[in-house]
Protein backbone atom coordinates (compact mmCIF):
# COMPACT_ATOMS: atom_id res chain seq x y z
CA UNK A 1 114.37 140.63 117.76
CA UNK A 2 111.93 140.86 120.65
CA UNK A 3 109.82 138.11 119.06
CA UNK A 4 112.90 135.89 118.62
CA UNK A 5 113.91 136.54 122.22
CA UNK A 6 110.45 135.54 123.46
CA UNK A 7 110.47 132.49 121.21
CA UNK A 8 113.60 131.29 123.03
CA UNK A 9 112.15 131.94 126.48
CA UNK A 10 112.36 129.20 129.08
CA UNK A 11 108.88 130.25 130.24
CA UNK A 12 107.59 129.42 126.76
CA UNK A 13 109.38 126.06 126.92
CA UNK A 14 107.64 125.26 130.18
CA UNK A 15 104.26 126.40 128.81
CA UNK A 16 104.60 124.33 125.64
CA UNK A 17 105.64 121.20 127.55
CA UNK A 18 102.70 121.54 129.94
CA UNK A 19 100.34 122.17 127.02
CA UNK A 20 101.58 119.10 125.16
CA UNK A 21 101.20 116.97 128.29
CA UNK A 22 97.63 118.17 128.82
CA UNK A 23 96.41 117.83 125.25
CA UNK A 24 98.15 114.47 124.87
CA UNK A 25 95.78 113.17 127.52
CA UNK A 26 92.96 113.67 125.01
CA UNK A 27 94.67 111.22 122.69
CA UNK A 28 94.85 108.77 125.58
CA UNK A 29 91.24 109.10 126.74
CA UNK A 30 89.73 109.06 123.23
CA UNK A 31 90.04 105.80 121.30
CA UNK A 32 92.30 106.35 118.28
CA UNK A 33 92.37 104.95 114.76
CA UNK A 34 88.87 103.45 114.47
CA UNK A 35 86.42 103.97 111.61
CA UNK A 36 83.69 106.61 111.62
CA UNK A 37 80.91 104.14 112.48
CA UNK A 38 82.72 103.20 115.71
CA UNK A 39 82.76 106.79 117.05
CA UNK A 40 79.13 107.43 116.13
CA UNK A 41 78.09 104.26 117.95
CA UNK A 42 80.45 104.48 120.94
CA UNK A 43 80.13 108.22 121.70
CA UNK A 44 76.68 108.83 120.24
CA UNK A 45 75.84 110.59 116.97
CA UNK A 46 76.22 114.17 118.22
CA UNK A 47 79.45 113.77 120.19
CA UNK A 48 80.82 111.35 117.60
CA UNK A 49 80.31 113.85 114.78
CA UNK A 50 82.04 116.58 116.84
CA UNK A 51 85.03 114.31 117.52
CA UNK A 52 85.30 113.36 113.85
CA UNK A 53 85.01 116.97 112.63
CA UNK A 54 87.82 118.02 115.00
CA UNK A 55 90.00 115.08 113.94
CA UNK A 56 90.10 113.69 117.48
CA UNK A 57 89.98 110.13 116.11
CA UNK A 58 93.51 110.75 114.80
CA UNK A 59 94.55 113.34 117.36
CA UNK A 60 98.33 113.08 117.07
CA UNK A 61 98.13 114.00 113.39
CA UNK A 62 95.88 117.04 113.83
CA UNK A 63 97.08 120.48 112.75
CA UNK A 64 96.81 121.79 116.33
CA UNK A 65 99.02 119.07 117.81
CA UNK A 66 101.62 119.44 115.07
CA UNK A 67 101.59 123.22 115.57
CA UNK A 68 102.45 122.76 119.24
CA UNK A 69 105.31 120.45 118.29
CA UNK A 70 106.54 122.98 115.73
CA UNK A 71 106.62 125.81 118.28
CA UNK A 72 108.41 123.57 120.79
CA UNK A 73 111.00 122.69 118.13
CA UNK A 74 111.54 126.36 117.28
CA UNK A 75 111.74 127.20 120.95
CA UNK A 76 114.44 124.57 121.54
CA UNK A 77 116.35 125.75 118.47
CA UNK A 78 116.33 129.41 119.52
CA UNK A 79 117.25 128.50 123.12
CA UNK A 80 120.24 126.53 121.84
CA UNK A 81 121.40 129.28 119.49
CA UNK A 82 120.98 131.97 122.16
CA UNK A 83 123.10 130.02 124.60
CA UNK A 84 125.89 129.32 122.11
CA UNK A 85 129.01 131.45 121.89
CA UNK A 86 132.16 130.56 119.94
CA UNK A 87 134.21 131.25 123.06
CA UNK A 88 132.53 128.23 124.61
CA UNK A 89 134.45 125.96 122.23
CA UNK A 90 137.49 126.41 124.47
CA UNK A 91 135.57 125.23 127.51
CA UNK A 92 134.98 121.50 127.82
CA UNK A 93 131.92 121.81 130.05
CA UNK A 94 130.31 124.39 127.77
CA UNK A 95 130.90 122.19 124.72
CA UNK A 96 129.41 119.21 126.57
CA UNK A 97 126.37 121.26 127.56
CA UNK A 98 125.94 122.52 123.99
CA UNK A 99 126.15 118.98 122.58
CA UNK A 100 123.56 117.79 125.09
CA UNK A 101 121.25 120.62 124.04
CA UNK A 102 121.81 119.79 120.37
CA UNK A 103 121.14 116.10 120.97
CA UNK A 104 117.71 116.84 122.40
CA UNK A 105 116.95 119.15 119.47
CA UNK A 106 118.14 116.62 116.87
CA UNK A 107 116.21 113.72 118.40
CA UNK A 108 113.12 115.91 118.61
CA UNK A 109 113.54 117.08 115.01
CA UNK A 110 114.04 113.51 113.80
CA UNK A 111 110.88 112.40 115.58
CA UNK A 112 108.88 115.25 114.02
CA UNK A 113 110.28 114.64 110.53
CA UNK A 114 109.59 110.92 110.88
CA UNK A 115 106.05 111.53 112.07
CA UNK A 116 105.27 113.82 109.14
CA UNK A 117 107.08 111.94 106.37
CA UNK A 118 107.50 108.33 107.49
CA UNK A 119 106.11 105.65 105.17
CA UNK A 120 105.13 102.23 106.48
CA UNK A 121 103.12 99.63 104.60
CA UNK A 122 102.45 95.90 104.76
CA UNK A 123 102.39 93.75 101.61
CA UNK A 124 101.05 90.21 101.38
CA UNK A 125 102.66 88.52 98.39
CA UNK A 126 102.36 85.17 96.67
CA UNK A 127 104.98 83.82 94.27
CA UNK A 128 105.89 86.28 91.47
CA UNK A 129 103.90 89.11 93.05
CA UNK A 130 105.70 92.43 93.20
CA UNK A 131 105.92 95.61 95.24
CA UNK A 132 106.64 98.99 93.63
CA UNK A 133 108.48 101.15 96.17
CA UNK A 134 106.53 104.45 96.50
CA UNK A 135 107.95 107.34 94.49
CA UNK A 136 110.51 105.19 92.65
CA UNK A 137 110.87 102.97 89.59
CA UNK A 138 112.14 100.16 91.81
CA UNK A 139 110.22 96.89 91.87
CA UNK A 140 110.64 94.11 94.40
CA UNK A 141 109.56 90.71 93.04
CA UNK A 142 108.90 87.84 95.47
CA UNK A 143 110.32 84.62 94.01
CA UNK A 144 110.38 81.97 96.71
CA UNK A 145 109.83 81.31 100.41
CA UNK A 146 111.82 79.05 102.70
CA UNK A 147 111.17 77.94 106.26
CA UNK A 148 113.02 75.79 108.80
CA UNK A 149 111.41 74.24 111.87
CA UNK A 150 112.93 73.24 115.17
CA UNK A 151 113.69 69.48 115.05
CA UNK A 152 110.72 67.37 116.09
CA UNK A 153 108.34 70.35 116.28
CA UNK A 154 106.17 72.52 114.03
CA UNK A 155 107.54 75.76 115.49
CA UNK A 156 109.34 77.95 112.93
CA UNK A 157 113.07 78.33 113.56
CA UNK A 158 113.81 80.57 110.60
CA UNK A 159 111.90 81.82 107.58
CA UNK A 160 113.04 83.86 104.64
CA UNK A 161 112.01 85.27 101.28
CA UNK A 162 114.04 85.27 98.09
CA UNK A 163 113.45 88.44 96.06
CA UNK A 164 114.70 90.16 92.93
CA UNK A 165 115.15 93.94 92.71
CA UNK A 166 114.40 95.62 89.37
CA UNK A 167 115.17 99.24 88.48
CA UNK A 168 113.10 100.55 85.56
CA UNK A 169 112.54 96.96 84.42
CA UNK A 170 116.23 95.96 84.65
CA UNK A 171 117.39 93.37 87.16
CA UNK A 172 119.69 95.04 89.70
CA UNK A 173 120.25 92.27 92.22
CA UNK A 174 118.80 89.25 93.98
CA UNK A 175 118.63 89.03 97.75
CA UNK A 176 117.26 87.06 100.69
CA UNK A 177 115.21 88.80 103.38
CA UNK A 178 115.25 87.18 106.82
CA UNK A 179 113.72 88.04 110.16
CA UNK A 180 115.80 90.85 111.71
CA UNK A 181 117.84 91.09 108.49
CA UNK A 182 115.98 93.61 106.30
CA UNK A 183 116.86 94.54 102.74
CA UNK A 184 117.88 98.19 102.20
CA UNK A 185 116.83 99.72 98.87
CA UNK A 186 116.56 103.43 97.93
CA UNK A 187 116.23 104.48 101.56
CA UNK A 188 113.54 101.85 102.21
CA UNK A 189 113.93 98.98 104.66
CA UNK A 190 112.04 95.81 103.67
CA UNK A 191 111.42 93.56 106.68
CA UNK A 192 110.33 89.93 106.74
CA UNK A 193 107.23 90.45 108.87
CA UNK A 194 105.42 87.11 108.78
CA UNK A 195 104.13 84.40 106.48
CA UNK A 196 100.95 82.52 105.69
CA UNK A 197 100.17 78.97 104.64
CA UNK A 198 97.52 79.07 101.92
CA UNK A 199 95.55 76.39 100.08
CA UNK A 200 95.27 75.56 96.39
CA UNK A 201 92.21 73.37 95.75
CA UNK A 202 90.21 71.55 93.08
CA UNK A 203 86.50 71.55 93.91
CA UNK A 204 83.05 70.49 92.79
CA UNK A 205 80.12 72.78 93.62
CA UNK A 206 76.59 71.36 93.64
CA UNK A 207 73.23 73.11 93.90
CA UNK A 208 70.00 71.11 94.26
CA UNK A 209 72.06 67.93 93.67
CA UNK A 210 73.30 69.27 90.33
CA UNK A 211 76.92 70.16 89.56
CA UNK A 212 77.03 73.87 88.75
CA UNK A 213 80.79 74.39 88.77
CA UNK A 214 84.12 72.60 88.91
CA UNK A 215 87.52 74.19 88.94
CA UNK A 216 90.66 75.21 90.81
CA UNK A 217 90.99 78.00 93.36
CA UNK A 218 93.77 79.56 95.40
CA UNK A 219 93.27 81.64 98.52
CA UNK A 220 93.06 85.31 97.66
CA UNK A 221 91.30 84.64 94.35
CA UNK A 222 87.67 84.56 93.23
CA UNK A 223 86.11 81.82 91.11
CA UNK A 224 83.22 83.26 89.09
CA UNK A 225 80.19 81.11 88.35
CA UNK A 226 78.00 82.48 85.57
CA UNK A 227 75.07 80.17 86.32
CA UNK A 228 73.03 80.43 88.39
CA UNK A 229 72.85 84.13 89.29
CA UNK A 230 76.48 85.12 88.64
CA UNK A 231 77.91 83.74 91.85
CA UNK A 232 81.48 84.12 93.12
CA UNK A 233 83.37 81.58 95.19
CA UNK A 234 86.40 82.24 97.38
CA UNK A 235 88.38 80.72 100.24
CA UNK A 236 87.56 83.01 103.16
CA UNK A 237 89.79 81.30 105.72
CA UNK A 238 92.26 78.44 106.03
CA UNK A 239 93.37 76.97 109.35
CA UNK A 240 96.07 74.40 110.01
CA UNK A 241 95.76 71.79 112.77
CA UNK A 242 92.51 73.14 114.20
CA UNK A 243 91.12 72.95 117.70
CA UNK A 244 87.56 73.60 118.87
CA UNK A 245 87.23 75.88 121.91
CA UNK A 246 84.67 75.38 124.68
CA UNK A 247 82.36 77.98 123.11
CA UNK A 248 82.52 76.26 119.72
CA UNK A 249 85.05 78.58 118.06
CA UNK A 250 87.37 77.06 115.45
CA UNK A 251 91.00 78.11 115.98
CA UNK A 252 94.40 77.13 114.61
CA UNK A 253 96.47 75.11 117.04
CA UNK A 254 99.80 74.86 115.19
CA UNK A 255 101.46 75.06 111.78
CA UNK A 256 101.10 71.33 111.26
CA UNK A 257 98.88 70.23 108.35
CA UNK A 258 97.46 67.18 110.07
CA UNK A 259 93.96 68.57 110.79
CA UNK A 260 93.08 71.41 108.45
CA UNK A 261 89.89 73.40 107.92
CA UNK A 262 88.66 75.52 104.99
CA UNK A 263 85.96 78.17 105.13
CA UNK A 264 84.41 78.59 101.69
CA UNK A 265 82.27 81.67 100.99
CA UNK A 266 79.83 82.17 98.11
CA UNK A 267 78.75 85.67 97.08
CA UNK A 268 76.06 87.07 94.83
CA UNK A 269 77.45 90.43 93.76
CA UNK A 270 78.83 91.72 97.08
CA UNK A 271 76.33 89.88 99.30
CA UNK A 272 77.32 86.73 101.16
CA UNK A 273 74.77 84.01 100.39
CA UNK A 274 76.49 80.93 101.81
CA UNK A 275 79.53 79.87 103.80
CA UNK A 276 80.68 76.44 104.73
CA UNK A 277 83.49 74.90 106.76
CA UNK A 278 85.19 71.87 105.23
CA UNK A 279 87.16 69.69 107.65
CA UNK A 280 89.45 66.70 107.42
CA UNK A 281 87.31 65.16 110.15
CA UNK A 282 83.99 63.86 108.74
CA UNK A 283 82.35 64.13 112.17
CA UNK A 284 82.97 67.87 112.20
CA UNK A 285 81.62 68.15 108.64
CA UNK A 286 78.33 66.65 109.78
CA UNK A 287 78.15 68.93 112.82
CA UNK A 288 78.95 72.21 111.07
CA UNK A 289 77.34 71.53 107.68
CA UNK A 290 73.59 70.79 107.83
CA UNK A 291 72.08 68.53 105.15
CA UNK A 292 69.58 71.29 104.38
CA UNK A 293 72.33 73.56 102.97
CA UNK A 294 71.50 74.75 99.45
CA UNK A 295 75.09 74.30 98.30
CA UNK A 296 77.29 71.24 98.55
CA UNK A 297 81.06 71.74 98.18
CA UNK A 298 83.34 68.79 97.59
CA UNK A 299 87.13 69.24 97.73
CA UNK A 300 88.83 66.81 95.33
CA UNK A 301 92.42 68.00 95.85
CA UNK A 302 94.19 70.35 98.22
CA UNK A 303 97.81 71.49 98.17
CA UNK A 304 99.34 74.29 100.19
CA UNK A 305 101.84 77.01 99.39
CA UNK A 306 103.60 79.68 101.43
CA UNK A 307 103.06 83.40 100.94
CA UNK A 308 105.05 86.14 102.60
CA UNK A 309 104.26 89.38 104.40
CA UNK A 310 106.70 92.29 104.03
CA UNK A 311 106.77 95.51 105.98
CA UNK A 312 108.21 98.34 103.87
CA UNK A 313 109.47 101.32 105.90
CA UNK A 314 111.11 104.62 105.03
CA UNK A 315 111.85 107.12 107.80
CA UNK A 316 113.77 110.26 106.70
CA UNK A 317 113.92 111.44 110.31
CA UNK A 318 115.88 108.43 111.50
CA UNK A 319 119.28 109.91 110.51
CA UNK A 320 118.60 112.94 112.74
CA UNK A 321 117.71 110.66 115.64
CA UNK A 322 120.96 108.70 115.26
CA UNK A 323 123.04 111.91 115.04
CA UNK A 324 121.19 113.16 118.11
CA UNK A 325 122.08 110.05 120.09
CA UNK A 326 125.70 110.35 118.95
CA UNK A 327 125.75 113.96 120.12
CA UNK A 328 124.21 112.88 123.41
CA UNK A 329 126.86 110.20 123.88
CA UNK A 330 129.76 112.56 123.11
CA UNK A 331 128.28 115.25 125.37
CA UNK A 332 127.98 112.79 128.26
CA UNK A 333 131.57 111.59 127.75
CA UNK A 334 132.88 115.19 127.79
CA UNK A 335 130.86 116.02 130.91
CA UNK A 336 132.12 112.94 132.79
CA UNK A 337 135.83 112.97 132.00
CA UNK A 338 138.02 115.91 132.95
CA UNK A 339 140.32 115.61 129.96
CA UNK A 340 139.64 115.16 126.24
């Protein structure tokens, strides 16, 4: 009982809040979420290895930080229970105060549960690609993409994805996912995050003035060339309506297809051996593609297609957060008005 009493101490609450504030500064001062090579280079090998071994590159998910949050949650819970008496249910102000305490605890609990169990992933899908929702037999198949532009412009007004939902291989329903109108399935929310315009090309590849390959290629795929040297060809980048910056960088200016650019990459095993920009503008082709290049790439046909990007989210703690805000609202109403 003495331990429980100390666990609900206001002094412990104050200590835990101060501790969280202090240690949270470490997560602010130390760059988060980069790869190991970044920390070894930025902080030096010795300090970088120490930071990595302590998990400081992902500080807010370390055991120590979560332990502090756990103790604060237990502290708030015990404080709330210690202050509650059934006699208070007859007193409006006491009920309001109890609901306000509970709201803080519920919101805090929801945040902790969400942090520990939340799933969030991005999926880039072309037509007929599918997403299997984690831990379920539910498949989401991307069928088609639609987009509307503001009249007279190339700025998207609305874009949407048509999908089919399958449960254990059986079609359950078809739906349309729009921006700000997610699809809810098995506790998951599927958001229309963005889209991409991708090319589909027919090409001729020459080496030493000899044709070594012809074929078709879509972005996201590899075209394997057995001779010479088992090469692989892919579309590394596609830009619509390009512009050239003052420092020579090639950037996309709009969604219009009036001035496109393709970056083709050729690999031997995993090593990049050649890359080449292919422009609509012949002047740019001469500037960026020297005649001495060992490969010559000729695009015979190019069509474009839309692919979609979904964000799939599941947050079990969200229900606690919403109940917490409801409790907060009711508690505030009871504390403001004199009568029920």
